[in-house]
N, C-alpha and C. Protein backbone atom coordinates (compact mmCIF):
# COMPACT_ATOMS: atom_id res chain seq x y z
N MET A 1 4.45 174.59 48.17
CA MET A 1 5.86 174.41 48.39
C MET A 1 6.61 175.27 47.38
N LYS A 2 7.67 175.87 47.85
CA LYS A 2 8.48 176.70 46.97
C LYS A 2 9.93 176.18 47.04
N VAL A 3 10.51 175.97 45.88
CA VAL A 3 11.89 175.51 45.79
C VAL A 3 12.63 176.49 44.89
N GLU A 4 13.75 176.99 45.36
CA GLU A 4 14.54 177.91 44.55
C GLU A 4 15.77 177.19 44.02
N LEU A 5 16.02 177.37 42.73
CA LEU A 5 17.16 176.76 42.06
C LEU A 5 17.97 177.83 41.36
N SER A 6 19.25 177.59 41.26
CA SER A 6 20.07 178.47 40.44
C SER A 6 19.74 178.18 38.97
N PRO A 7 20.08 179.09 38.06
CA PRO A 7 19.85 178.81 36.64
C PRO A 7 20.55 177.52 36.19
N ALA A 8 21.76 177.28 36.69
CA ALA A 8 22.48 176.05 36.32
C ALA A 8 21.75 174.81 36.83
N GLU A 9 21.29 174.86 38.06
CA GLU A 9 20.55 173.71 38.60
C GLU A 9 19.27 173.47 37.82
N ALA A 10 18.59 174.53 37.43
CA ALA A 10 17.33 174.39 36.71
C ALA A 10 17.51 173.72 35.35
N ILE A 11 18.50 174.15 34.59
CA ILE A 11 18.67 173.57 33.25
C ILE A 11 19.15 172.12 33.34
N VAL A 12 20.02 171.82 34.29
CA VAL A 12 20.51 170.44 34.44
C VAL A 12 19.38 169.54 34.93
N LEU A 13 18.60 170.00 35.89
CA LEU A 13 17.47 169.21 36.37
C LEU A 13 16.43 169.00 35.28
N PHE A 14 16.18 170.04 34.48
CA PHE A 14 15.24 169.94 33.35
C PHE A 14 15.67 168.83 32.40
N GLU A 15 16.94 168.80 32.05
CA GLU A 15 17.45 167.76 31.15
C GLU A 15 17.35 166.37 31.78
N ALA A 16 17.72 166.26 33.05
CA ALA A 16 17.69 164.96 33.73
C ALA A 16 16.26 164.42 33.82
N LEU A 17 15.32 165.27 34.15
CA LEU A 17 13.93 164.83 34.23
C LEU A 17 13.39 164.41 32.87
N ASN A 18 13.74 165.14 31.83
CA ASN A 18 13.31 164.74 30.49
C ASN A 18 13.86 163.38 30.11
N ARG A 19 15.13 163.12 30.43
CA ARG A 19 15.71 161.80 30.14
C ARG A 19 15.00 160.71 30.93
N LEU A 20 14.68 160.99 32.18
CA LEU A 20 14.00 160.02 33.03
C LEU A 20 12.62 159.67 32.46
N VAL A 21 11.88 160.69 32.07
CA VAL A 21 10.56 160.45 31.49
C VAL A 21 10.68 159.70 30.17
N ASP A 22 11.63 160.09 29.33
CA ASP A 22 11.81 159.44 28.03
C ASP A 22 12.24 157.98 28.15
N SER A 23 12.89 157.63 29.25
CA SER A 23 13.40 156.26 29.43
C SER A 23 12.34 155.30 29.95
N ASP A 24 11.17 155.80 30.26
CA ASP A 24 10.09 154.97 30.82
C ASP A 24 10.51 154.32 32.15
N ALA A 25 11.38 154.97 32.90
CA ALA A 25 11.84 154.43 34.18
C ALA A 25 10.88 154.74 35.33
N LEU A 26 9.90 155.57 35.08
CA LEU A 26 8.94 155.90 36.14
C LEU A 26 7.99 154.73 36.34
N HIS A 27 7.59 154.51 37.57
CA HIS A 27 6.84 153.30 37.92
C HIS A 27 5.34 153.38 37.69
N ASP A 28 4.78 154.56 37.71
CA ASP A 28 3.33 154.66 37.53
C ASP A 28 2.94 156.04 37.01
N ASN A 29 1.64 156.19 36.76
CA ASN A 29 1.14 157.44 36.20
C ASN A 29 1.36 158.63 37.13
N ALA A 30 1.27 158.42 38.43
CA ALA A 30 1.46 159.52 39.38
C ALA A 30 2.87 160.08 39.27
N GLU A 31 3.87 159.21 39.17
CA GLU A 31 5.26 159.67 39.02
C GLU A 31 5.43 160.41 37.70
N ALA A 32 4.84 159.90 36.64
CA ALA A 32 4.95 160.54 35.34
C ALA A 32 4.27 161.91 35.35
N LEU A 33 3.13 162.01 35.98
CA LEU A 33 2.43 163.29 36.05
C LEU A 33 3.20 164.31 36.90
N ALA A 34 3.76 163.87 38.01
CA ALA A 34 4.54 164.77 38.87
C ALA A 34 5.79 165.25 38.13
N ALA A 35 6.47 164.33 37.45
CA ALA A 35 7.67 164.71 36.68
C ALA A 35 7.31 165.66 35.56
N GLY A 36 6.21 165.39 34.88
CA GLY A 36 5.77 166.26 33.79
C GLY A 36 5.42 167.66 34.28
N ALA A 37 4.79 167.76 35.44
CA ALA A 37 4.44 169.06 36.00
C ALA A 37 5.71 169.85 36.34
N LEU A 38 6.70 169.17 36.90
CA LEU A 38 7.95 169.85 37.24
C LEU A 38 8.70 170.28 35.98
N ILE A 39 8.70 169.44 34.97
CA ILE A 39 9.33 169.79 33.70
C ILE A 39 8.67 171.04 33.12
N ASP A 40 7.34 171.08 33.14
CA ASP A 40 6.62 172.24 32.61
C ASP A 40 6.97 173.51 33.37
N ARG A 41 7.06 173.42 34.69
CA ARG A 41 7.38 174.60 35.49
C ARG A 41 8.82 175.06 35.23
N LEU A 42 9.73 174.10 35.14
CA LEU A 42 11.12 174.46 34.85
C LEU A 42 11.23 175.10 33.48
N GLU A 43 10.58 174.50 32.50
CA GLU A 43 10.65 175.00 31.13
C GLU A 43 10.12 176.43 31.04
N GLY A 44 9.10 176.73 31.83
CA GLY A 44 8.53 178.07 31.82
C GLY A 44 9.47 179.14 32.36
N HIS A 45 10.51 178.72 33.09
CA HIS A 45 11.44 179.68 33.66
C HIS A 45 12.81 179.66 33.00
N LEU A 46 13.03 178.74 32.08
CA LEU A 46 14.30 178.71 31.37
C LEU A 46 14.26 179.71 30.23
N PRO A 47 15.37 180.38 29.98
CA PRO A 47 15.38 181.27 28.82
C PRO A 47 15.22 180.46 27.53
N VAL A 48 14.59 181.04 26.54
CA VAL A 48 14.43 180.35 25.26
C VAL A 48 15.79 180.26 24.60
N ILE A 49 16.23 179.03 24.42
CA ILE A 49 17.56 178.79 23.86
C ILE A 49 17.40 177.76 22.75
N ASP A 50 17.89 178.06 21.58
CA ASP A 50 17.78 177.14 20.46
C ASP A 50 19.12 176.55 20.07
N GLY A 51 19.08 175.34 19.55
CA GLY A 51 20.22 174.71 18.89
C GLY A 51 21.49 174.63 19.70
N ALA A 52 22.59 174.98 19.05
CA ALA A 52 23.92 174.85 19.64
C ALA A 52 24.07 175.71 20.88
N ASP A 53 23.40 176.85 20.92
CA ASP A 53 23.49 177.71 22.10
C ASP A 53 22.96 176.98 23.33
N TYR A 54 21.89 176.23 23.15
CA TYR A 54 21.32 175.47 24.27
C TYR A 54 22.33 174.42 24.74
N ALA A 55 22.92 173.69 23.83
CA ALA A 55 23.90 172.66 24.19
C ALA A 55 25.08 173.28 24.93
N PHE A 56 25.51 174.45 24.48
CA PHE A 56 26.62 175.15 25.13
C PHE A 56 26.22 175.57 26.55
N ARG A 57 25.02 176.13 26.70
CA ARG A 57 24.57 176.56 28.03
C ARG A 57 24.40 175.38 28.97
N LEU A 58 23.92 174.26 28.46
CA LEU A 58 23.79 173.07 29.29
C LEU A 58 25.16 172.59 29.75
N ALA A 59 26.12 172.56 28.83
CA ALA A 59 27.47 172.14 29.18
C ALA A 59 28.08 173.06 30.23
N ARG A 60 27.89 174.37 30.07
CA ARG A 60 28.41 175.34 31.04
C ARG A 60 27.75 175.18 32.40
N ALA A 61 26.45 174.89 32.40
CA ALA A 61 25.73 174.69 33.66
C ALA A 61 26.26 173.46 34.39
N LYS A 62 26.50 172.39 33.66
CA LYS A 62 27.05 171.18 34.27
C LYS A 62 28.45 171.45 34.83
N GLU A 63 29.23 172.20 34.08
CA GLU A 63 30.57 172.56 34.53
C GLU A 63 30.50 173.41 35.80
N GLU A 64 29.59 174.36 35.81
CA GLU A 64 29.43 175.23 36.98
C GLU A 64 29.06 174.42 38.23
N LEU A 65 28.17 173.46 38.06
CA LEU A 65 27.73 172.66 39.20
C LEU A 65 28.79 171.71 39.73
N THR A 66 29.69 171.30 38.86
CA THR A 66 30.69 170.30 39.26
C THR A 66 32.08 170.87 39.47
N GLU A 67 32.26 172.17 39.31
CA GLU A 67 33.60 172.74 39.36
C GLU A 67 34.27 172.59 40.73
N ASP A 68 33.50 172.49 41.79
CA ASP A 68 34.08 172.38 43.12
C ASP A 68 34.23 170.93 43.59
N ILE A 69 33.82 169.99 42.77
CA ILE A 69 33.93 168.57 43.15
C ILE A 69 35.32 168.08 42.82
N GLU A 70 35.96 167.50 43.81
CA GLU A 70 37.31 166.96 43.60
C GLU A 70 37.19 165.51 43.16
N ASP A 71 38.02 165.11 42.22
CA ASP A 71 38.01 163.72 41.72
C ASP A 71 38.68 162.79 42.70
C-alpha cells in the first residue's frame, strides 16, 4: 500500500501518532506495532529539525492544514 502525504500532513500525523503511543491509548500489541512502524516510516521522511525550529515548523504545518477551515 502506498499513501502520499504533504509535508504538513506528515509532520502533524507524526506528532499525533507519537502522542497516541505515549498515552497508552492503544488496545493491544498489534496496534502499538502498527503505529510504531508508521512513526518510523514518517520519521525517515521528515527533515531533521532540532529544537525551536521543529516547534515552529509543526505550528506552521498545523496552520497550513487548518487555514481553510471556517469556525
